[in-house]
Protein backbone atom coordinates (compact mmCIF):
# COMPACT_ATOMS: atom_id res chain seq x y z
CA MET A 1 -0.68 5.75 -26.41
CA SER A 2 1.13 2.61 -26.61
CA GLU A 3 -0.46 -0.31 -24.89
CA LYS A 4 2.11 -1.45 -22.21
CA PRO A 5 2.66 1.85 -20.19
CA TYR A 6 -1.50 2.18 -20.14
CA SER A 7 -1.92 -1.60 -19.13
CA GLN A 8 0.93 -0.79 -16.46
CA SER A 9 -1.03 2.57 -15.21
CA ILE A 10 -4.07 0.18 -15.37
CA GLN A 11 -2.13 -2.69 -12.87
CA ASN A 12 -1.45 0.54 -10.03
CA LEU A 13 -4.80 0.41 -10.38
CA ARG A 14 -5.49 -3.22 -9.43
CA THR A 15 -2.73 -2.26 -6.95
CA ILE A 16 -4.94 0.25 -5.24
CA ALA A 17 -7.94 -1.75 -5.43
CA VAL A 18 -6.38 -4.31 -3.37
CA ILE A 19 -5.16 -1.54 -0.85
CA GLY A 20 -8.78 -0.74 -0.27
CA VAL A 21 -10.03 -4.10 0.62
CA VAL A 22 -7.47 -4.89 2.60
CA LEU A 23 -7.95 -2.12 4.66
CA HIS A 24 -11.89 -2.11 4.58
CA HIS A 25 -11.64 -5.72 5.60
CA ALA A 26 -9.46 -4.58 8.45
CA VAL A 27 -12.58 -3.08 9.91
CA SER A 28 -13.86 -6.67 10.95
CA GLY A 29 -11.09 -7.46 13.35
CA ILE A 30 -11.04 -4.10 15.52
CA TYR A 31 -14.67 -3.32 15.49
CA ARG A 32 -16.96 -5.62 17.27
CA GLY A 33 -20.23 -4.09 15.97
CA GLY A 34 -23.26 -2.47 17.85
CA ASN A 35 -25.41 0.80 16.87
CA ASN A 36 -23.16 3.42 18.52
CA GLN A 37 -20.45 3.79 15.52
CA ASP A 38 -19.94 6.98 15.38
CA LEU A 39 -18.99 9.34 12.95
CA PRO A 40 -15.22 9.06 12.09
CA GLY A 41 -16.35 5.27 11.47
CA PHE A 42 -18.11 5.93 8.76
CA LEU A 43 -16.01 8.57 7.16
CA TYR A 44 -13.13 5.93 7.02
CA LEU A 45 -15.11 3.02 6.16
CA GLN A 46 -16.98 5.11 2.98
CA LEU A 47 -13.67 6.56 2.28
CA VAL A 48 -12.20 2.72 1.51
CA ASN A 49 -15.07 1.15 0.24
CA TYR A 50 -13.80 1.54 -3.43
CA GLY A 51 -11.79 -1.68 -3.75
CA SER A 52 -14.64 -4.09 -5.79
CA ILE A 53 -16.27 -1.90 -7.86
CA LEU A 54 -12.47 -0.80 -9.30
CA PHE A 55 -11.72 -4.09 -8.92
CA MET A 56 -13.97 -5.74 -11.16
CA VAL A 57 -13.90 -2.47 -13.81
CA ILE A 58 -10.24 -3.96 -14.49
CA SER A 59 -11.22 -7.51 -14.48
CA GLY A 60 -13.30 -6.43 -17.21
CA TYR A 61 -10.52 -4.31 -19.00
CA PHE A 62 -7.95 -6.96 -18.96
CA PHE A 63 -11.20 -9.98 -19.72
CA GLU A 64 -11.32 -7.83 -22.83
CA LYS A 65 -7.41 -7.39 -23.67
CA SER A 66 -7.50 -10.74 -23.08
CA ILE A 67 -10.31 -12.69 -24.72
CA LYS A 68 -9.26 -10.50 -28.17
CA LYS A 69 -5.42 -12.18 -27.29
CA TYR A 70 -6.24 -15.91 -27.07
CA PRO A 71 -8.46 -18.36 -28.09
CA VAL A 72 -11.47 -18.28 -26.14
CA LYS A 73 -10.49 -22.41 -25.41
CA GLU A 74 -7.38 -21.14 -24.21
CA LEU A 75 -8.21 -18.41 -21.99
CA VAL A 76 -10.65 -20.94 -20.19
CA LYS A 77 -7.62 -23.18 -19.25
CA LYS A 78 -5.60 -19.98 -18.18
CA LYS A 79 -8.39 -19.08 -16.08
CA PHE A 80 -8.91 -22.01 -14.76
CA ARG A 81 -5.14 -22.67 -13.89
CA ASN A 82 -4.48 -19.18 -12.82
CA ILE A 83 -8.07 -18.14 -10.70
CA LEU A 84 -9.96 -20.88 -9.69
CA LEU A 85 -7.41 -23.67 -8.60
CA PRO A 86 -5.82 -21.28 -6.47
CA TYR A 87 -9.15 -20.02 -5.10
CA LEU A 88 -9.90 -23.57 -3.97
CA LEU A 89 -7.14 -24.12 -2.57
CA PHE A 90 -7.48 -21.48 -0.28
CA VAL A 91 -11.42 -21.55 -0.20
CA PHE A 92 -11.30 -25.64 1.19
CA PRO A 93 -9.40 -25.28 4.25
CA TRP A 94 -11.63 -22.28 4.96
CA PHE A 95 -15.04 -24.73 4.56
CA PHE A 96 -12.95 -27.30 6.55
CA PHE A 97 -12.75 -25.07 9.39
CA GLU A 98 -16.07 -23.31 9.14
CA TYR A 99 -17.71 -27.06 9.40
CA PHE A 100 -15.63 -29.06 11.66
CA ILE A 101 -13.98 -26.34 13.69
CA SER A 102 -15.69 -23.29 13.70
CA PRO A 103 -19.06 -24.43 15.04
CA TYR A 104 -17.75 -25.34 18.50
CA TYR A 105 -15.17 -23.20 18.89
CA GLY A 106 -15.34 -18.93 19.48
CA LYS A 107 -18.98 -18.61 18.12
CA GLU A 108 -22.70 -18.99 19.62
CA ARG A 109 -23.68 -20.90 16.57
CA GLY A 110 -24.05 -24.66 17.68
CA PRO A 111 -22.88 -27.63 15.95
CA GLU A 112 -25.60 -28.27 13.78
CA VAL A 113 -24.24 -26.42 11.07
CA THR A 114 -24.45 -28.21 7.56
CA VAL A 115 -22.50 -29.05 4.65
CA GLY A 116 -24.77 -26.22 2.58
CA GLU A 117 -24.50 -23.73 5.56
CA ALA A 118 -20.45 -23.94 5.89
CA ILE A 119 -20.42 -23.97 1.74
CA ASN A 120 -23.20 -20.99 1.88
CA THR A 121 -20.83 -19.01 4.73
CA VAL A 122 -17.38 -19.43 3.23
CA LEU A 123 -18.35 -18.61 -0.69
CA PHE A 124 -21.07 -15.53 0.22
CA LYS A 125 -20.38 -14.39 4.01
CA THR A 126 -16.58 -14.16 4.03
CA ASN A 127 -14.20 -12.16 2.34
CA TYR A 128 -13.93 -14.35 -0.51
CA TRP A 129 -17.16 -13.47 -1.82
CA PHE A 130 -16.08 -11.42 -4.97
CA ILE A 131 -13.49 -14.37 -6.12
CA ILE A 132 -16.19 -16.38 -6.40
CA ASN A 133 -18.66 -13.71 -8.37
CA LEU A 134 -16.15 -13.05 -10.76
CA ILE A 135 -15.91 -16.09 -11.35
CA ILE A 136 -19.09 -16.72 -12.27
CA ILE A 137 -19.45 -13.49 -14.11
CA GLN A 138 -16.58 -14.18 -16.40
CA LEU A 139 -17.92 -17.36 -17.25
CA LEU A 140 -21.22 -15.45 -18.07
CA ASN A 141 -18.48 -13.05 -20.32
CA PHE A 142 -17.08 -15.84 -22.15
CA PHE A 143 -20.54 -16.74 -24.27
CA ILE A 144 -19.89 -12.83 -24.92
CA THR A 145 -17.81 -11.62 -27.61
CA LYS A 146 -19.35 -8.94 -29.84
CA VAL A 147 -18.51 -5.07 -28.72
CA SER A 148 -22.37 -4.95 -29.54
CA GLN A 149 -23.72 -6.86 -27.50
CA VAL A 150 -21.57 -5.51 -24.53
CA ARG A 151 -22.97 -2.01 -25.48
CA TRP A 152 -26.37 -3.14 -24.89
CA LEU A 153 -25.59 -5.43 -21.89
CA VAL A 154 -24.21 -2.26 -20.09
CA LEU A 155 -27.10 -0.70 -20.57
CA LEU A 156 -29.76 -3.60 -19.12
CA PHE A 157 -27.29 -4.24 -16.17
CA THR A 158 -26.92 -0.52 -15.20
CA VAL A 159 -30.58 -0.58 -14.40
CA ILE A 160 -30.19 -4.52 -12.50
CA THR A 161 -27.68 -2.14 -10.19
CA LEU A 162 -29.72 0.14 -9.65
CA PHE A 163 -32.70 -2.18 -8.44
CA TYR A 164 -30.07 -3.81 -6.70
CA SER A 165 -29.40 -0.29 -4.59
CA ALA A 166 -33.34 -0.07 -4.48
CA ASN A 167 -33.35 -3.66 -2.63
CA ILE A 168 -31.35 -2.52 0.01
CA TYR A 169 -34.63 -1.28 0.95
CA LEU A 170 -37.11 -3.31 -0.69
CA ARG A 171 -35.77 -6.15 0.62
CA LEU A 172 -37.40 -8.55 -2.16
CA PHE A 173 -34.27 -10.78 -1.83
CA GLU A 174 -31.19 -10.95 -0.07
CA SER A 175 -29.96 -7.65 -0.30
CA ALA A 176 -26.27 -8.29 0.64
CA HIS A 177 -24.11 -7.61 -2.28
CA SER A 178 -22.16 -10.89 -1.49
CA TYR A 179 -24.58 -12.48 -3.69
CA ALA A 180 -25.20 -10.05 -6.52
CA PHE A 181 -23.03 -11.07 -8.87
CA LEU A 182 -25.59 -9.78 -11.44
CA GLY A 183 -25.28 -6.06 -9.85
CA PHE A 184 -21.92 -5.89 -10.61
CA LEU A 185 -21.93 -7.27 -14.08
CA SER A 186 -22.49 -3.53 -15.33
CA PHE A 187 -19.15 -2.28 -13.55
CA PHE A 188 -17.65 -5.69 -15.57
CA PHE A 189 -18.83 -4.68 -18.92
CA CYS A 190 -17.72 -0.90 -17.99
CA GLY A 191 -14.08 -2.19 -17.98
CA ARG A 192 -15.06 -3.93 -21.26
CA LEU A 193 -16.03 -0.91 -23.11
CA ILE A 194 -12.99 0.75 -22.00
CA TYR A 195 -10.54 -1.87 -23.02
CA ARG A 196 -12.12 -1.59 -26.41
CA TYR A 197 -12.76 2.38 -26.70
CA SER A 198 -9.49 3.33 -24.95
CA ASN A 199 -8.69 6.01 -27.71
CA VAL A 200 -12.28 7.18 -27.15
CA PHE A 201 -12.17 7.25 -23.52
CA GLN A 202 -8.99 9.18 -23.59
CA MET A 203 -9.93 11.86 -25.45
CA VAL A 204 -13.89 12.10 -23.74
CA TYR A 205 -12.13 12.17 -20.76
CA GLU A 206 -9.20 14.72 -21.13
CA LYS A 207 -11.92 16.47 -22.70
CA VAL A 208 -13.96 16.78 -19.56
CA THR A 209 -10.51 17.31 -17.36
CA GLY A 210 -9.29 20.16 -19.55
CA TRP A 211 -12.83 22.16 -19.09
CA LYS A 212 -11.06 25.14 -17.19
CA TYR A 213 -14.44 24.76 -14.71
CA TYR A 214 -13.94 21.10 -13.90
CA PRO A 215 -11.78 21.39 -10.99
CA PHE A 216 -14.53 24.18 -9.67
CA ALA A 217 -17.20 21.79 -10.33
CA PHE A 218 -15.75 18.45 -9.36
CA LEU A 219 -14.42 18.90 -5.96
CA PRO A 220 -18.18 20.00 -4.67
CA LEU A 221 -19.78 17.20 -6.32
CA LEU A 222 -17.05 14.65 -4.53
CA VAL A 223 -17.70 16.12 -1.10
CA LEU A 224 -21.60 16.24 -1.85
CA PHE A 225 -21.71 11.99 -2.62
CA TYR A 226 -19.52 11.79 0.22
CA ALA A 227 -21.52 13.18 2.61
CA VAL A 228 -24.36 11.92 0.73
CA ALA A 229 -22.85 8.08 1.07
CA ILE A 230 -21.65 8.90 5.01
CA LYS A 231 -25.36 9.63 5.54
CA GLU A 232 -26.84 6.41 3.77
CA SER A 233 -25.05 4.60 6.04
CA GLN A 234 -25.60 5.81 9.20
CA TRP A 235 -29.32 5.56 8.74
CA ILE A 236 -29.23 2.24 7.45
CA HIS A 237 -27.34 1.47 10.17
CA ARG A 238 -29.30 2.99 12.78
CA HIS A 239 -32.60 1.60 11.25
CA ASP A 240 -31.64 -1.82 10.37
CA PRO A 241 -28.59 -2.97 12.04
CA TYR A 242 -28.83 -6.40 10.52
CA THR A 243 -28.39 -4.76 7.03
CA ASP A 244 -25.00 -4.22 5.88
CA PHE A 245 -24.48 -0.41 5.80
CA GLY A 246 -21.59 -0.51 3.90
CA ASN A 247 -23.17 -2.34 1.06
CA VAL A 248 -20.80 -1.70 -2.44
CA LEU A 249 -23.97 -1.24 -3.99
CA ARG A 250 -25.88 1.88 -2.60
CA LEU A 251 -26.31 4.23 -5.14
CA SER A 252 -24.89 7.15 -3.09
CA ASN A 253 -21.83 4.46 -2.81
CA ILE A 254 -21.76 4.05 -6.13
CA LEU A 255 -21.91 7.73 -7.61
CA PHE A 256 -19.35 8.40 -5.42
CA THR A 257 -16.72 5.59 -5.80
CA GLY A 258 -16.94 6.58 -9.52
CA LEU A 259 -15.84 10.17 -9.29
CA LEU A 260 -13.24 8.44 -6.74
CA LEU A 261 -12.18 6.56 -9.37
CA LEU A 262 -11.72 8.89 -12.03
CA ILE A 263 -9.06 10.81 -9.45
CA PHE A 264 -7.04 7.15 -9.69
CA TYR A 265 -6.89 7.55 -12.91
CA ARG A 266 -5.63 10.65 -13.35
CA LYS A 267 -2.81 9.74 -11.49
CA ARG A 268 -2.31 6.37 -12.29
CA ALA A 269 0.75 6.46 -13.77
CA LYS A 270 2.16 8.57 -10.60
CA PHE A 271 1.61 5.46 -8.69
CA ASN A 272 4.91 3.63 -8.05
CA PHE A 273 4.40 0.52 -5.66
CA GLY A 274 7.49 -1.41 -6.92
CA ARG A 275 8.09 -4.59 -8.15
CA ALA A 276 6.14 -6.58 -5.32
CA PHE A 277 2.83 -5.52 -6.10
CA THR A 278 2.48 -7.54 -9.37
CA ASN A 279 -0.76 -9.08 -10.80
CA LYS A 280 -0.14 -12.43 -9.40
CA SER A 281 1.05 -11.07 -6.14
CA VAL A 282 -2.32 -8.96 -6.00
CA PHE A 283 -4.43 -11.90 -6.32
CA LEU A 284 -2.52 -13.78 -4.17
CA ILE A 285 -3.06 -11.05 -1.53
CA TYR A 286 -6.17 -11.03 -1.94
CA LEU A 287 -6.17 -14.99 -1.23
CA THR A 288 -4.22 -14.69 1.86
CA HIS A 289 -5.66 -11.57 4.09
CA PRO A 290 -8.40 -13.48 4.76
CA TYR A 291 -6.55 -15.89 6.93
CA PHE A 292 -4.10 -13.45 8.45
CA MET A 293 -7.42 -11.42 9.34
CA ARG A 294 -8.69 -14.28 11.23
CA ILE A 295 -5.38 -14.70 13.03
CA GLY A 296 -4.89 -10.92 13.95
CA SER A 297 -8.52 -10.53 14.89
CA PHE A 298 -7.90 -13.61 17.08
CA ILE A 299 -4.80 -11.63 19.02
CA ILE A 300 -6.59 -8.74 19.43
CA ASN A 301 -9.85 -10.19 20.73
CA ARG A 302 -7.74 -12.48 23.34
CA PHE A 303 -6.27 -9.34 24.50
CA ASP A 304 -9.42 -7.31 24.54
CA ILE A 305 -8.03 -4.62 22.69
CA SER A 306 -10.70 -4.30 19.65
CA SER A 307 -13.68 -1.03 20.67
CA TRP A 308 -17.16 -0.90 19.88
CA VAL A 309 -16.46 2.58 18.51
CA PHE A 310 -14.18 4.11 15.98
CA GLY A 311 -13.19 7.28 17.13
CA MET A 312 -9.43 8.80 15.92
CA SER A 313 -7.58 6.35 17.71
CA GLY A 314 -9.81 3.73 16.81
CA ILE A 315 -9.42 4.70 13.00
CA LEU A 316 -5.89 4.69 13.67
CA MET A 317 -6.16 1.10 14.95
CA ASN A 318 -7.87 0.20 11.93
CA ILE A 319 -5.37 1.56 9.81
CA SER A 320 -2.42 -0.18 11.43
CA PHE A 321 -3.69 -3.35 11.43
CA GLY A 322 -4.65 -3.16 7.80
CA ILE A 323 -1.35 -2.06 6.87
CA ALA A 324 0.27 -5.40 8.87
CA ILE A 325 -2.38 -7.73 7.04
CA LEU A 326 -1.53 -6.34 3.81
CA MET A 327 2.30 -6.57 3.91
CA PHE A 328 2.01 -10.13 5.55
CA SER A 329 -0.51 -11.21 3.20
CA LEU A 330 2.76 -9.52 0.31
CA GLY A 331 5.25 -11.51 2.02
CA ALA A 332 3.40 -14.63 1.81
CA SER A 333 2.44 -13.94 -2.07
CA ARG A 334 6.15 -13.63 -2.85
CA LEU A 335 7.29 -16.50 -0.88
CA LEU A 336 4.59 -18.47 -2.95
CA LEU A 337 5.69 -16.97 -6.22
CA SER A 338 9.44 -17.94 -5.53
CA CYS A 339 8.25 -21.33 -4.89
CA GLY A 340 6.73 -21.40 -8.46
CA PHE A 341 3.01 -20.94 -7.17
CA LEU A 342 0.32 -19.48 -10.18
CA LYS A 343 3.42 -20.02 -13.25
């Protein structure tokens, strides 16, 4: 198995991840909230809730590839230039909006918002939460260079991830997944190990999927985990509307996402997204899509065409809105790249 096609196929998975993220985030532009969300809404939200975990696994995969290729000092410079600086360029205007404009326009909270509250909102309560979590995780991983360390740490942080799953109900501390970078470390470490043991991983995967009873076992298990994840979301939403019923670190979501990622992995080389979705353009789509979502949400609410419940028509509306956001973000990313952004 040559490295280039394999890496390209993993890049295809990155594109699938950003599509899932945008389609999931687009819900906030359509859905107003409330306790009467219907079943089609939960079906849709659960189906596109895989993006963050997939992104974290892929990030760990490419991190391991880079740390074997570049000296740590050079890699830190590359991450600073290609991730942190672009992130700051997009986050700072959002902070300006949250601190100077948002308290006075279109929200119930008053002008007493502090700088700390605005920073907390931007870092952990907007769609940019994943980037800051990823930056923190990558900083920690610069000090973890031995594969033996990664093997032990993936076990340790799997336990921590499961604890975050339990904390959704225990509420010992903030349960939102946007604050849970420690809970995502297990997926990042898995990505690192997949790269390091890619041949072993591929061999085991082929043996499992080549088992004659595999299709008969896999599909019922996928449907079961999907149904359990939906029921868990419904239960959380019904009993505690202030808890994020779409929390990525729900155990049921992790199990369903794991099986869904096996499907994506098996079909990874067959996806053809064209040349537009590159590593850099996918990252820029992630950075730009919150701005287009905010504009789209303003227009939708302005004309009062959002809905309290999904229904099939609401899902079609959400998909259309998400695709529009994706296309606008892709166009913006290509424009930025043509201007020399992210050289």
